[in-house]
Structure formats: C-alpha cells, structure tokens
Amino acid sequence: MSTLAVIPARGGSKGISKKNLRLLGGLPLVMWAITAAKLADTITHIVLTTDSEEIAEIGYDENIDVIFRDSSLATDKALTIDVLADVIDKVSVTITNQCQSIVLLEPTSPFRSPRIIDECTKTFGEMEGGSVFTVTQLERNPANIFFESDGITKRYVKNPIDVYARRQEYQHLKRINGAVYVSSKDSILRGCLLSEPFATIEMNPELSINIDTELDLLLAETIIEKGLLPSEFDKFLHHQFK
C-alpha cells in the first residue's frame, strides 16, 4: 500500500519564533520529521507543505516534494485538516491515485522514530477503515481537571464513572501525543482527521515531548545531551541515511 507522509511546517509560530527552523541536536525541527519519514520503510512519498522559502529550501535539499500553501492556511487559526486537504488537491495526480493512506508528521514531535511510523502504517493497513495514532500514558488524574465559567471554577468531569485514588489505577488511560496520525485520503477529504474505529500505538512519555515553548525545546535538548534517546536516533543526529 502506497503511503503519503505530509509534513506541515509554516514559517511563523506563536510560542517560539520560527519554531520549525529552531535547532535541536544540531538539526532544524522540520528535519527531524523529514528524516523520520525518509527512514521509514512504509513511506513511499513525502510532501512538505509550507509558506516559508527558508523551510522550502530544506525540502528541496532533501529531494522531497514541496507545496506552498496559501496565506490563509499559514495562520495560528488554520486547521490541520484543511492543510492536508490542500496537499491532496495540489500534489500530483499520480501520487494522489497511488496513495490512499495519509500520514501526518508534525515537526513539533521530534522524537517519533521510523519504527513507530512503520508500526502505525502497518496497523492501518490491517484495518478496514478508521484511523491510527500515537498515544502516551496520561500523566494526571482526570478527576483533577477543572475549568472556569463566569468566574466560577468547576470540575470538568462532573460525575466520573471511575474514581482513581492512586496513579497506578489509571495506567490504562492514554492521551494523544501528536507524533503520528494515519488516516485514509477519503476520510481527510470528508473533513475528518480521525475516524472510528481507532487503533493506537503507544510511545513512552520521554519520547512524547511536543515542542511548543522554549522550555520544551530545552527539555528535548537535555534528553539528547544526557544520552536518553534510543540508538535508533543515531542517524538523526549524524544525518546519515541508510
């Protein structure tokens, strides 16, 4: 099954200036996504969608397809599903006809490995419809989530079916970590990034870091410096492809 990996990397950013170009382990964030896609056995086509000439140059250097998105799709309010639909609309007819599955790889999740991508796409290939995405362990008790309404603080889960007194009791609860999403082309064109039935591939919390702030970037750099990344990331840090 042919699979299209889409890497959305706009030039602007709200939390970190030029976030997708910031260096992590000596590589721009966008390069972590490109490298993972290139090293994954199941990815047959890679498209980088951007509004930045600087980011586009990285794509050209890596010999992957680059699509420039409209300015309306390069704002903080732009929806990922619309960006994916734009790629499907603009990519070559040959690729569109060949690839029925779309893999979304956000540059802000640098520690997804090629192996994890392959696990996701292979799982998707064994399903009849639906979506596959990566998850990690829920860090906090869901009973401790609150929201404010009209100046009043309330519990978000008002009548929980289960009440957890200890962390060990909610080890079965997972959250999306944003590293990999796999859906069908048809599902995306219907405006649905994730459609049931769902299947998940779990990643450990350390590798599930998402770069949104300077602190996140510092933490990710510390993980690299302390040698906490698995050996499968050696090719990333030395930019050596098989």
C-alpha atoms as a PDB file:
ATOM      1  CA  MET A   1       0.000   0.000   0.000  1.00  0.00           C
ATOM      2  CA  SER A   2       1.440   3.370  -1.041  1.00  0.00           C
ATOM      3  CA  THR A   3       1.555   5.912   1.746  1.00  0.00           C
ATOM      4  CA  LEU A   4       1.935   9.688   1.610  1.00  0.00           C
ATOM      5  CA  ALA A   5       3.646  11.416   4.533  1.00  0.00           C
ATOM      6  CA  VAL A   6       2.679  15.067   4.952  1.00  0.00           C
ATOM      7  CA  ILE A   7       4.901  17.381   6.986  1.00  0.00           C
ATOM      8  CA  PRO A   8       3.219  20.741   7.739  1.00  0.00           C
ATOM      9  CA  ALA A   9       5.804  23.401   8.596  1.00  0.00           C
ATOM     10  CA  ARG A  10       4.798  27.025   8.371  1.00  0.00           C
ATOM     11  CA  GLY A  11       7.320  29.814   8.827  1.00  0.00           C
ATOM     12  CA  GLY A  12       5.590  31.618  11.682  1.00  0.00           C
ATOM     13  CA  SER A  13       4.899  30.432  15.205  1.00  0.00           C
ATOM     14  CA  LYS A  14       3.092  31.794  18.225  1.00  0.00           C
ATOM     15  CA  GLY A  15       5.130  30.303  21.069  1.00  0.00           C
ATOM     16  CA  ILE A  16       8.638  30.151  19.581  1.00  0.00           C
ATOM     17  CA  SER A  17       9.875  32.403  16.794  1.00  0.00           C
ATOM     18  CA  LYS A  18      10.500  30.406  13.585  1.00  0.00           C
ATOM     19  CA  LYS A  19       9.921  27.260  15.612  1.00  0.00           C
ATOM     20  CA  ASN A  20      10.212  24.775  12.752  1.00  0.00           C
ATOM     21  CA  LEU A  21      13.696  26.109  11.956  1.00  0.00           C
ATOM     22  CA  ARG A  22      15.000  26.028  15.520  1.00  0.00           C
ATOM     23  CA  LEU A  23      17.890  23.647  16.047  1.00  0.00           C
ATOM     24  CA  LEU A  24      17.564  20.516  18.156  1.00  0.00           C
ATOM     25  CA  GLY A  25      20.602  18.280  18.334  1.00  0.00           C
ATOM     26  CA  GLY A  26      22.080  20.347  15.519  1.00  0.00           C
ATOM     27  CA  LEU A  27      19.090  19.774  13.198  1.00  0.00           C
ATOM     28  CA  PRO A  28      16.144  22.096  12.452  1.00  0.00           C
ATOM     29  CA  LEU A  29      12.926  20.699  13.922  1.00  0.00           C
ATOM     30  CA  VAL A  30      11.492  20.183  10.446  1.00  0.00           C
ATOM     31  CA  MET A  31      14.463  17.947   9.618  1.00  0.00           C
ATOM     32  CA  TRP A  32      13.535  15.544  12.429  1.00  0.00           C
ATOM     33  CA  ALA A  33      10.205  14.916  10.700  1.00  0.00           C
ATOM     34  CA  ILE A  34      11.789  14.670   7.233  1.00  0.00           C
ATOM     35  CA  THR A  35      14.457  12.246   8.492  1.00  0.00           C
ATOM     36  CA  ALA A  36      11.893  10.016  10.205  1.00  0.00           C
ATOM     37  CA  ALA A  37       9.794   9.870   7.035  1.00  0.00           C
ATOM     38  CA  LYS A  38      12.803   9.092   4.828  1.00  0.00           C
ATOM     39  CA  LEU A  39      13.985   6.301   7.111  1.00  0.00           C
ATOM     40  CA  ALA A  40      10.544   4.689   7.492  1.00  0.00           C
ATOM     41  CA  ASP A  41      10.166   1.632   5.271  1.00  0.00           C
ATOM     42  CA  THR A  42       6.449   2.126   4.671  1.00  0.00           C
ATOM     43  CA  ILE A  43       6.511   5.734   3.448  1.00  0.00           C
ATOM     44  CA  THR A  44       6.509   5.926  -0.350  1.00  0.00           C
ATOM     45  CA  HIS A  45       6.035   9.677  -0.872  1.00  0.00           C
ATOM     46  CA  ILE A  46       6.876  12.711   1.278  1.00  0.00           C
ATOM     47  CA  VAL A  47       5.391  16.186   0.922  1.00  0.00           C
ATOM     48  CA  LEU A  48       6.493  19.257   2.870  1.00  0.00           C
ATOM     49  CA  THR A  49       3.795  21.940   2.973  1.00  0.00           C
ATOM     50  CA  THR A  50       4.929  25.422   3.951  1.00  0.00           C
ATOM     51  CA  ASP A  51       4.645  29.157   3.348  1.00  0.00           C
ATOM     52  CA  SER A  52       8.361  29.733   4.012  1.00  0.00           C
ATOM     53  CA  GLU A  53      11.067  29.895   1.352  1.00  0.00           C
ATOM     54  CA  GLU A  54      13.648  29.038   4.013  1.00  0.00           C
ATOM     55  CA  ILE A  55      11.812  25.877   5.040  1.00  0.00           C
ATOM     56  CA  ALA A  56      11.128  25.011   1.395  1.00  0.00           C
ATOM     57  CA  GLU A  57      14.877  25.102   0.692  1.00  0.00           C
ATOM     58  CA  ILE A  58      15.377  22.365   3.290  1.00  0.00           C
ATOM     59  CA  GLY A  59      12.804  20.241   1.469  1.00  0.00           C
ATOM     60  CA  TYR A  60      14.489  20.825  -1.876  1.00  0.00           C
ATOM     61  CA  ASP A  61      17.875  19.901  -0.383  1.00  0.00           C
ATOM     62  CA  GLU A  62      16.356  16.654   0.884  1.00  0.00           C
ATOM     63  CA  ASN A  63      14.807  15.874  -2.532  1.00  0.00           C
ATOM     64  CA  ILE A  64      11.234  15.722  -1.275  1.00  0.00           C
ATOM     65  CA  ASP A  65       8.164  17.362  -2.761  1.00  0.00           C
ATOM     66  CA  VAL A  66       7.411  20.873  -1.530  1.00  0.00           C
ATOM     67  CA  ILE A  67       3.985  22.510  -1.763  1.00  0.00           C
ATOM     68  CA  PHE A  68       3.424  26.158  -0.937  1.00  0.00           C
ATOM     69  CA  ARG A  69       0.222  26.746   0.957  1.00  0.00           C
ATOM     70  CA  ASP A  70      -1.986  29.828   0.699  1.00  0.00           C
ATOM     71  CA  SER A  71      -1.573  32.534   3.344  1.00  0.00           C
ATOM     72  CA  SER A  72      -4.985  31.640   4.779  1.00  0.00           C
ATOM     73  CA  LEU A  73      -3.568  28.218   5.679  1.00  0.00           C
ATOM     74  CA  ALA A  74      -0.469  29.646   7.353  1.00  0.00           C
ATOM     75  CA  THR A  75      -2.043  31.312  10.391  1.00  0.00           C
ATOM     76  CA  ASP A  76      -2.438  30.168  14.001  1.00  0.00           C
ATOM     77  CA  LYS A  77      -6.125  29.573  13.302  1.00  0.00           C
ATOM     78  CA  ALA A  78      -5.636  27.406  10.222  1.00  0.00           C
ATOM     79  CA  LEU A  79      -6.935  23.855  10.684  1.00  0.00           C
ATOM     80  CA  THR A  80      -4.659  20.894  10.057  1.00  0.00           C
ATOM     81  CA  ILE A  81      -7.417  19.064   8.192  1.00  0.00           C
ATOM     82  CA  ASP A  82      -7.627  21.967   5.712  1.00  0.00           C
ATOM     83  CA  VAL A  83      -3.854  21.922   5.222  1.00  0.00           C
ATOM     84  CA  LEU A  84      -3.980  18.194   4.460  1.00  0.00           C
ATOM     85  CA  ALA A  85      -6.848  18.657   2.012  1.00  0.00           C
ATOM     86  CA  ASP A  86      -4.825  21.410   0.310  1.00  0.00           C
ATOM     87  CA  VAL A  87      -1.913  18.986  -0.130  1.00  0.00           C
ATOM     88  CA  ILE A  88      -4.164  16.338  -1.627  1.00  0.00           C
ATOM     89  CA  ASP A  89      -5.559  18.949  -4.016  1.00  0.00           C
ATOM     90  CA  LYS A  90      -2.131  20.226  -5.106  1.00  0.00           C
ATOM     91  CA  VAL A  91       0.011  17.103  -5.172  1.00  0.00           C
ATOM     92  CA  SER A  92       0.488  15.301  -8.484  1.00  0.00           C
ATOM     93  CA  VAL A  93      -2.349  13.140  -9.786  1.00  0.00           C
ATOM     94  CA  THR A  94      -0.007  10.151  -9.869  1.00  0.00           C
ATOM     95  CA  ILE A  95       0.701  10.400  -6.151  1.00  0.00           C
ATOM     96  CA  THR A  96      -2.943  11.085  -5.341  1.00  0.00           C
ATOM     97  CA  ASN A  97      -4.064   7.969  -7.203  1.00  0.00           C
ATOM     98  CA  GLN A  98      -1.364   5.787  -5.671  1.00  0.00           C
ATOM     99  CA  CYS A  99      -1.685   6.853  -2.034  1.00  0.00           C
ATOM    100  CA  GLN A 100      -4.883   6.012  -0.235  1.00  0.00           C
ATOM    101  CA  SER A 101      -3.398   6.488   3.230  1.00  0.00           C
ATOM    102  CA  ILE A 102      -2.039   9.770   4.613  1.00  0.00           C
ATOM    103  CA  VAL A 103       0.472  10.020   7.463  1.00  0.00           C
ATOM    104  CA  LEU A 104       0.645  13.332   9.318  1.00  0.00           C
ATOM    105  CA  LEU A 105       4.037  14.127  10.871  1.00  0.00           C
ATOM    106  CA  GLU A 106       4.150  17.379  12.817  1.00  0.00           C
ATOM    107  CA  PRO A 107       7.696  18.801  13.207  1.00  0.00           C
ATOM    108  CA  THR A 108       6.898  19.667  16.835  1.00  0.00           C
ATOM    109  CA  SER A 109       7.114  15.957  17.792  1.00  0.00           C
ATOM    110  CA  PRO A 110      10.787  15.294  17.047  1.00  0.00           C
ATOM    111  CA  PHE A 111      11.234  12.017  18.904  1.00  0.00           C
ATOM    112  CA  ARG A 112       8.992   9.801  16.819  1.00  0.00           C
ATOM    113  CA  SER A 113      11.108   7.080  15.226  1.00  0.00           C
ATOM    114  CA  PRO A 114      10.851   5.475  11.768  1.00  0.00           C
ATOM    115  CA  ARG A 115       9.911   2.270  13.574  1.00  0.00           C
ATOM    116  CA  ILE A 116       6.921   3.950  15.215  1.00  0.00           C
ATOM    117  CA  ILE A 117       5.791   5.331  11.852  1.00  0.00           C
ATOM    118  CA  ASP A 118       6.019   1.851  10.342  1.00  0.00           C
ATOM    119  CA  GLU A 119       4.057   0.341  13.243  1.00  0.00           C
ATOM    120  CA  CYS A 120       1.300   2.897  12.683  1.00  0.00           C
ATOM    121  CA  THR A 121       1.081   2.415   8.921  1.00  0.00           C
ATOM    122  CA  LYS A 122       1.219  -1.382   9.144  1.00  0.00           C
ATOM    123  CA  THR A 123      -1.549  -1.352  11.741  1.00  0.00           C
ATOM    124  CA  PHE A 124      -3.606   0.909   9.489  1.00  0.00           C
ATOM    125  CA  GLY A 125      -3.069  -1.479   6.580  1.00  0.00           C
ATOM    126  CA  GLU A 126      -4.556  -4.320   8.635  1.00  0.00           C
ATOM    127  CA  MET A 127      -7.712  -2.340   9.396  1.00  0.00           C
ATOM    128  CA  GLU A 128     -10.827  -1.772   7.343  1.00  0.00           C
ATOM    129  CA  GLY A 129     -11.241   1.976   7.648  1.00  0.00           C
ATOM    130  CA  GLY A 130     -10.662   4.035  10.759  1.00  0.00           C
ATOM    131  CA  SER A 131      -7.502   5.776  11.929  1.00  0.00           C
ATOM    132  CA  VAL A 132      -4.281   5.024  13.788  1.00  0.00           C
ATOM    133  CA  PHE A 133      -2.479   7.484  16.057  1.00  0.00           C
ATOM    134  CA  THR A 134       0.231   7.524  18.688  1.00  0.00           C
ATOM    135  CA  VAL A 135      -0.527   7.899  22.386  1.00  0.00           C
ATOM    136  CA  THR A 136       1.292   8.045  25.688  1.00  0.00           C
ATOM    137  CA  GLN A 137       0.437   7.488  29.332  1.00  0.00           C
ATOM    138  CA  LEU A 138      -1.915  10.056  30.859  1.00  0.00           C
ATOM    139  CA  GLU A 139       0.185  11.990  33.363  1.00  0.00           C
ATOM    140  CA  ARG A 140      -2.543  13.397  35.595  1.00  0.00           C
ATOM    141  CA  ASN A 141      -5.672  12.085  37.246  1.00  0.00           C
ATOM    142  CA  PRO A 142      -8.621  13.151  35.030  1.00  0.00           C
ATOM    143  CA  ALA A 143     -10.599  13.987  38.186  1.00  0.00           C
ATOM    144  CA  ASN A 144      -8.221  16.917  38.720  1.00  0.00           C
ATOM    145  CA  ILE A 145      -9.203  18.756  35.531  1.00  0.00           C
ATOM    146  CA  PHE A 146     -11.105  21.991  36.151  1.00  0.00           C
ATOM    147  CA  PHE A 147     -12.486  24.826  34.046  1.00  0.00           C
ATOM    148  CA  GLU A 148     -13.774  28.319  34.724  1.00  0.00           C
ATOM    149  CA  SER A 149     -17.186  29.604  33.690  1.00  0.00           C
ATOM    150  CA  ASP A 150     -18.449  33.072  34.592  1.00  0.00           C
ATOM    151  CA  GLY A 151     -15.766  33.388  37.246  1.00  0.00           C
ATOM    152  CA  ILE A 152     -16.688  30.074  38.851  1.00  0.00           C
ATOM    153  CA  THR A 153     -14.314  27.105  38.885  1.00  0.00           C
ATOM    154  CA  LYS A 154     -15.925  23.730  38.230  1.00  0.00           C
ATOM    155  CA  ARG A 155     -14.830  20.139  37.745  1.00  0.00           C
ATOM    156  CA  TYR A 156     -14.648  19.251  34.068  1.00  0.00           C
ATOM    157  CA  VAL A 157     -15.706  15.658  34.772  1.00  0.00           C
ATOM    158  CA  LYS A 158     -18.736  16.202  36.973  1.00  0.00           C
ATOM    159  CA  ASN A 159     -19.842  12.618  37.520  1.00  0.00           C
ATOM    160  CA  PRO A 160     -16.915  10.315  36.756  1.00  0.00           C
ATOM    161  CA  ILE A 161     -17.763   6.662  36.322  1.00  0.00           C
ATOM    162  CA  ASP A 162     -14.406   5.716  37.815  1.00  0.00           C
ATOM    163  CA  VAL A 163     -12.602   7.451  40.659  1.00  0.00           C
ATOM    164  CA  TYR A 164      -8.848   6.966  40.920  1.00  0.00           C
ATOM    165  CA  ALA A 165      -7.086   7.357  44.237  1.00  0.00           C
ATOM    166  CA  ARG A 166      -3.634   6.311  43.002  1.00  0.00           C
ATOM    167  CA  ARG A 167      -1.670   6.839  39.791  1.00  0.00           C
ATOM    168  CA  GLN A 168      -1.412   3.080  39.247  1.00  0.00           C
ATOM    169  CA  GLU A 169      -5.192   2.885  38.937  1.00  0.00           C
ATOM    170  CA  TYR A 170      -5.328   4.908  35.717  1.00  0.00           C
ATOM    171  CA  GLN A 171      -2.381   3.377  33.883  1.00  0.00           C
ATOM    172  CA  HIS A 172      -4.835   2.242  31.193  1.00  0.00           C
ATOM    173  CA  LEU A 173      -5.721   5.853  30.314  1.00  0.00           C
ATOM    174  CA  LYS A 174      -3.790   7.320  27.372  1.00  0.00           C
ATOM    175  CA  ARG A 175      -3.655  10.664  25.584  1.00  0.00           C
ATOM    176  CA  ILE A 176      -2.805  11.552  22.001  1.00  0.00           C
ATOM    177  CA  ASN A 177       0.813  12.717  21.856  1.00  0.00           C
ATOM    178  CA  GLY A 178       0.701  14.217  18.343  1.00  0.00           C
ATOM    179  CA  ALA A 179       3.640  12.263  16.889  1.00  0.00           C
ATOM    180  CA  VAL A 180       1.903  10.222  14.169  1.00  0.00           C
ATOM    181  CA  TYR A 181      -1.588  10.190  12.687  1.00  0.00           C
ATOM    182  CA  VAL A 182      -2.670   7.846   9.889  1.00  0.00           C
ATOM    183  CA  SER A 183      -5.996   8.168   8.085  1.00  0.00           C
ATOM    184  CA  SER A 184      -7.403   7.454   4.667  1.00  0.00           C
ATOM    185  CA  LYS A 185      -7.359  10.040   1.919  1.00  0.00           C
ATOM    186  CA  ASP A 186     -11.151   9.761   1.657  1.00  0.00           C
ATOM    187  CA  SER A 187     -11.596  10.427   5.373  1.00  0.00           C
ATOM    188  CA  ILE A 188      -9.480  13.577   5.175  1.00  0.00           C
ATOM    189  CA  LEU A 189     -11.377  14.840   2.150  1.00  0.00           C
ATOM    190  CA  ARG A 190     -14.562  14.407   4.198  1.00  0.00           C
ATOM    191  CA  GLY A 191     -13.044  16.748   6.794  1.00  0.00           C
ATOM    192  CA  CYS A 192     -12.255  14.072   9.366  1.00  0.00           C
ATOM    193  CA  LEU A 193      -8.683  13.553  10.557  1.00  0.00           C
ATOM    194  CA  LEU A 194      -9.588  10.760  12.982  1.00  0.00           C
ATOM    195  CA  SER A 195     -12.397   8.362  12.192  1.00  0.00           C
ATOM    196  CA  GLU A 196     -13.537   5.250  14.032  1.00  0.00           C
ATOM    197  CA  PRO A 197     -12.557   2.511  14.578  1.00  0.00           C
ATOM    198  CA  PHE A 198      -9.423   3.773  16.312  1.00  0.00           C
ATOM    199  CA  ALA A 199      -6.155   1.948  16.832  1.00  0.00           C
ATOM    200  CA  THR A 200      -3.249   3.326  18.854  1.00  0.00           C
ATOM    201  CA  ILE A 201       0.495   2.818  19.109  1.00  0.00           C
ATOM    202  CA  GLU A 202       1.961   3.773  22.475  1.00  0.00           C
ATOM    203  CA  MET A 203       5.144   5.810  22.946  1.00  0.00           C
ATOM    204  CA  ASN A 204       6.896   6.413  26.237  1.00  0.00           C
ATOM    205  CA  PRO A 205       6.464   9.828  27.898  1.00  0.00           C
ATOM    206  CA  GLU A 206      10.064  10.954  27.318  1.00  0.00           C
ATOM    207  CA  LEU A 207       9.752  10.488  23.563  1.00  0.00           C
ATOM    208  CA  SER A 208       6.298  12.089  23.514  1.00  0.00           C
ATOM    209  CA  ILE A 209       7.565  15.617  24.128  1.00  0.00           C
ATOM    210  CA  ASN A 210       5.878  18.256  21.964  1.00  0.00           C
ATOM    211  CA  ILE A 211       7.793  21.458  21.240  1.00  0.00           C
ATOM    212  CA  ASP A 212       5.548  24.435  21.961  1.00  0.00           C
ATOM    213  CA  THR A 213       7.700  26.569  24.261  1.00  0.00           C
ATOM    214  CA  GLU A 214      11.340  27.406  24.907  1.00  0.00           C
ATOM    215  CA  LEU A 215      11.163  25.157  27.971  1.00  0.00           C
ATOM    216  CA  ASP A 216      10.046  22.223  25.785  1.00  0.00           C
ATOM    217  CA  LEU A 217      12.995  22.838  23.492  1.00  0.00           C
ATOM    218  CA  LEU A 218      15.387  22.951  26.446  1.00  0.00           C
ATOM    219  CA  LEU A 219      13.965  19.692  27.802  1.00  0.00           C
ATOM    220  CA  ALA A 220      14.303  17.988  24.410  1.00  0.00           C
ATOM    221  CA  GLU A 221      17.905  19.177  24.109  1.00  0.00           C
ATOM    222  CA  THR A 222      18.612  17.848  27.601  1.00  0.00           C
ATOM    223  CA  ILE A 223      17.207  14.438  26.640  1.00  0.00           C
ATOM    224  CA  ILE A 224      19.676  14.339  23.740  1.00  0.00           C
ATOM    225  CA  GLU A 225      22.642  15.604  25.766  1.00  0.00           C
ATOM    226  CA  LYS A 226      22.027  13.072  28.549  1.00  0.00           C
ATOM    227  CA  GLY A 227      22.007  10.223  26.009  1.00  0.00           C
ATOM    228  CA  LEU A 228      18.401   9.279  26.759  1.00  0.00           C
ATOM    229  CA  LEU A 229      17.388   8.765  23.121  1.00  0.00           C
ATOM    230  CA  PRO A 230      17.345   5.147  21.858  1.00  0.00           C
ATOM    231  CA  SER A 231      20.146   4.137  19.482  1.00  0.00           C
ATOM    232  CA  GLU A 232      17.720   4.218  16.539  1.00  0.00           C
ATOM    233  CA  PHE A 233      18.053   8.019  16.623  1.00  0.00           C
ATOM    234  CA  ASP A 234      21.813   7.961  15.941  1.00  0.00           C
ATOM    235  CA  LYS A 235      21.200   8.503  12.223  1.00  0.00           C
ATOM    236  CA  PHE A 236      19.198  11.631  13.010  1.00  0.00           C
ATOM    237  CA  LEU A 237      21.984  13.220  14.983  1.00  0.00           C
ATOM    238  CA  HIS A 238      24.592  12.389  12.366  1.00  0.00           C
ATOM    239  CA  HIS A 239      22.264  12.912   9.398  1.00  0.00           C
ATOM    240  CA  GLN A 240      23.308   9.577   7.914  1.00  0.00           C
ATOM    241  CA  PHE A 241      20.607   7.858   5.900  1.00  0.00           C
ATOM    242  CA  LYS A 242      20.611   4.190   5.024  1.00  0.00           C
END
